Amino acid sequence: MKKYILTVILLVSLYTNSQTVKQKKDFLNDYAVCECLTQTYHNLGIKLNDSSINYWKDANVLSIKQDILFNKFITDYIKRIPLNQAYDGSTNVINYCLSIKEDEAFIKLISKFFKK
């Protein structure tokens, strides 16, 4: 079992290291949406199967410093969601989290990570 887990970790590592910048940006867009949904539903008291977020965390393409900035941005973004309206359904949490991909500050942050 340990060999299997080690092999999976090694393959994920090799895969993420061989990705192009566009693939890494696309990955981070999807990771941000997944993280936003997971955290928001947790804040609303909705229990999700959190195993899907583990894929994103294991395959992370950022350095530790970048990861801290990235997660801080997502946390700050979630704080802007009017949770009191999300309880009654007047705020569509899914659309709000999907819109993180088009957020100008988010796009600049991701671009900054991959400048050469």
Protein backbone atom coordinates (compact mmCIF):
# COMPACT_ATOMS: atom_id res chain seq x y z
CA MET A 1 0.00 0.00 0.00
CA LYS A 2 2.82 2.41 0.85
CA LYS A 3 4.46 1.72 -2.52
CA TYR A 4 1.19 2.50 -4.26
CA ILE A 5 0.79 5.82 -2.43
CA LEU A 6 4.42 6.72 -3.07
CA THR A 7 3.99 5.92 -6.77
CA VAL A 8 0.89 8.11 -7.00
CA ILE A 9 2.66 10.99 -5.27
CA LEU A 10 5.64 10.61 -7.58
CA LEU A 11 3.44 10.56 -10.69
CA VAL A 12 1.51 13.64 -9.53
CA SER A 13 4.80 15.39 -8.88
CA LEU A 14 6.15 14.51 -12.31
CA TYR A 15 2.91 15.58 -13.95
CA THR A 16 2.76 18.97 -12.23
CA ASN A 17 6.42 19.68 -12.93
CA SER A 18 5.96 19.01 -16.64
CA GLN A 19 2.93 21.26 -17.07
CA THR A 20 3.00 24.37 -19.23
CA VAL A 21 2.25 27.78 -17.73
CA LYS A 22 -1.22 27.77 -19.31
CA GLN A 23 -1.96 24.37 -17.80
CA LYS A 24 -0.79 25.58 -14.40
CA LYS A 25 -3.00 28.69 -14.64
CA ASP A 26 -5.99 26.55 -15.66
CA PHE A 27 -5.24 24.20 -12.77
CA LEU A 28 -5.17 27.12 -10.31
CA ASN A 29 -8.45 28.47 -11.69
CA ASP A 30 -10.14 25.13 -11.06
CA TYR A 31 -8.45 24.75 -7.67
CA ALA A 32 -9.67 28.21 -6.63
CA VAL A 33 -13.27 27.38 -7.54
CA CYS A 34 -13.12 24.05 -5.71
CA GLU A 35 -11.53 25.62 -2.62
CA CYS A 36 -14.05 28.49 -2.66
CA LEU A 37 -16.99 26.10 -2.79
CA THR A 38 -15.58 23.82 -0.10
CA GLN A 39 -14.84 26.67 2.32
CA THR A 40 -18.10 28.51 1.64
CA TYR A 41 -20.27 25.46 2.18
CA HIS A 42 -18.29 24.68 5.33
CA ASN A 43 -18.97 28.25 6.55
CA LEU A 44 -22.68 27.70 5.83
CA GLY A 45 -22.62 24.53 7.92
CA ILE A 46 -23.12 22.23 4.94
CA LYS A 47 -21.05 19.07 5.23
CA LEU A 48 -19.37 18.10 1.97
CA ASN A 49 -17.27 15.11 1.09
CA ASP A 50 -13.95 16.97 1.27
CA SER A 51 -11.97 14.22 -0.46
CA SER A 52 -12.17 16.03 -3.81
CA ILE A 53 -10.18 18.98 -2.46
CA ASN A 54 -7.35 16.62 -1.55
CA TYR A 55 -6.59 16.12 -5.25
CA TRP A 56 -6.07 19.84 -5.71
CA LYS A 57 -3.91 20.17 -2.63
CA ASP A 58 -1.74 17.17 -3.54
CA ALA A 59 -1.18 18.40 -7.09
CA ASN A 60 -0.47 22.00 -6.07
CA VAL A 61 1.97 23.76 -8.41
CA LEU A 62 2.88 26.68 -6.13
CA SER A 63 5.74 27.35 -3.78
CA ILE A 64 4.93 27.69 -0.08
CA LYS A 65 4.97 31.50 -0.22
CA GLN A 66 2.75 31.53 -3.32
CA ASP A 67 0.39 29.01 -1.73
CA ILE A 68 -0.05 31.25 1.31
CA LEU A 69 -0.87 34.25 -0.92
CA PHE A 70 -3.21 32.13 -3.05
CA ASN A 71 -5.15 30.77 -0.06
CA LYS A 72 -5.31 34.21 1.56
CA PHE A 73 -6.83 35.60 -1.63
CA ILE A 74 -9.45 32.85 -1.69
CA THR A 75 -10.28 33.37 1.99
CA ASP A 76 -10.64 37.13 1.45
CA TYR A 77 -12.77 36.48 -1.64
CA ILE A 78 -15.08 34.21 0.35
CA LYS A 79 -15.53 36.91 3.01
CA ARG A 80 -17.22 39.04 0.31
CA ILE A 81 -19.96 36.43 -0.19
CA PRO A 82 -23.10 37.62 1.62
CA LEU A 83 -23.61 34.44 3.65
CA ASN A 84 -26.85 35.68 5.19
CA GLN A 85 -28.31 35.78 1.65
CA ALA A 86 -26.74 32.43 0.82
CA TYR A 87 -28.77 30.80 3.60
CA ASP A 88 -32.07 31.79 1.99
CA GLY A 89 -30.84 30.99 -1.53
CA SER A 90 -30.87 34.54 -2.90
CA THR A 91 -27.09 34.39 -3.46
CA ASN A 92 -25.94 31.67 -5.81
CA VAL A 93 -22.75 30.44 -4.14
CA ILE A 94 -21.73 28.32 -7.12
CA ASN A 95 -21.88 31.23 -9.56
CA TYR A 96 -20.09 33.46 -7.08
CA CYS A 97 -17.24 30.96 -6.71
CA LEU A 98 -17.07 30.40 -10.47
CA SER A 99 -16.67 34.15 -10.96
CA ILE A 100 -13.31 34.05 -9.13
CA LYS A 101 -11.77 33.01 -12.46
CA GLU A 102 -12.77 36.37 -13.98
CA ASP A 103 -11.79 38.47 -10.96
CA GLU A 104 -9.17 40.96 -12.14
CA ALA A 105 -7.13 40.78 -8.93
CA PHE A 106 -7.13 36.96 -9.12
CA ILE A 107 -5.93 36.99 -12.73
CA LYS A 108 -3.10 39.38 -11.79
CA LEU A 109 -2.11 37.21 -8.82
CA ILE A 110 -1.92 34.06 -10.95
CA SER A 111 0.01 35.88 -13.69
CA LYS A 112 2.47 37.17 -11.10
CA PHE A 113 3.21 33.60 -9.98
CA PHE A 114 4.38 32.56 -13.44
CA LYS A 115 6.29 35.63 -14.63
CA LYS A 116 9.78 34.75 -15.76
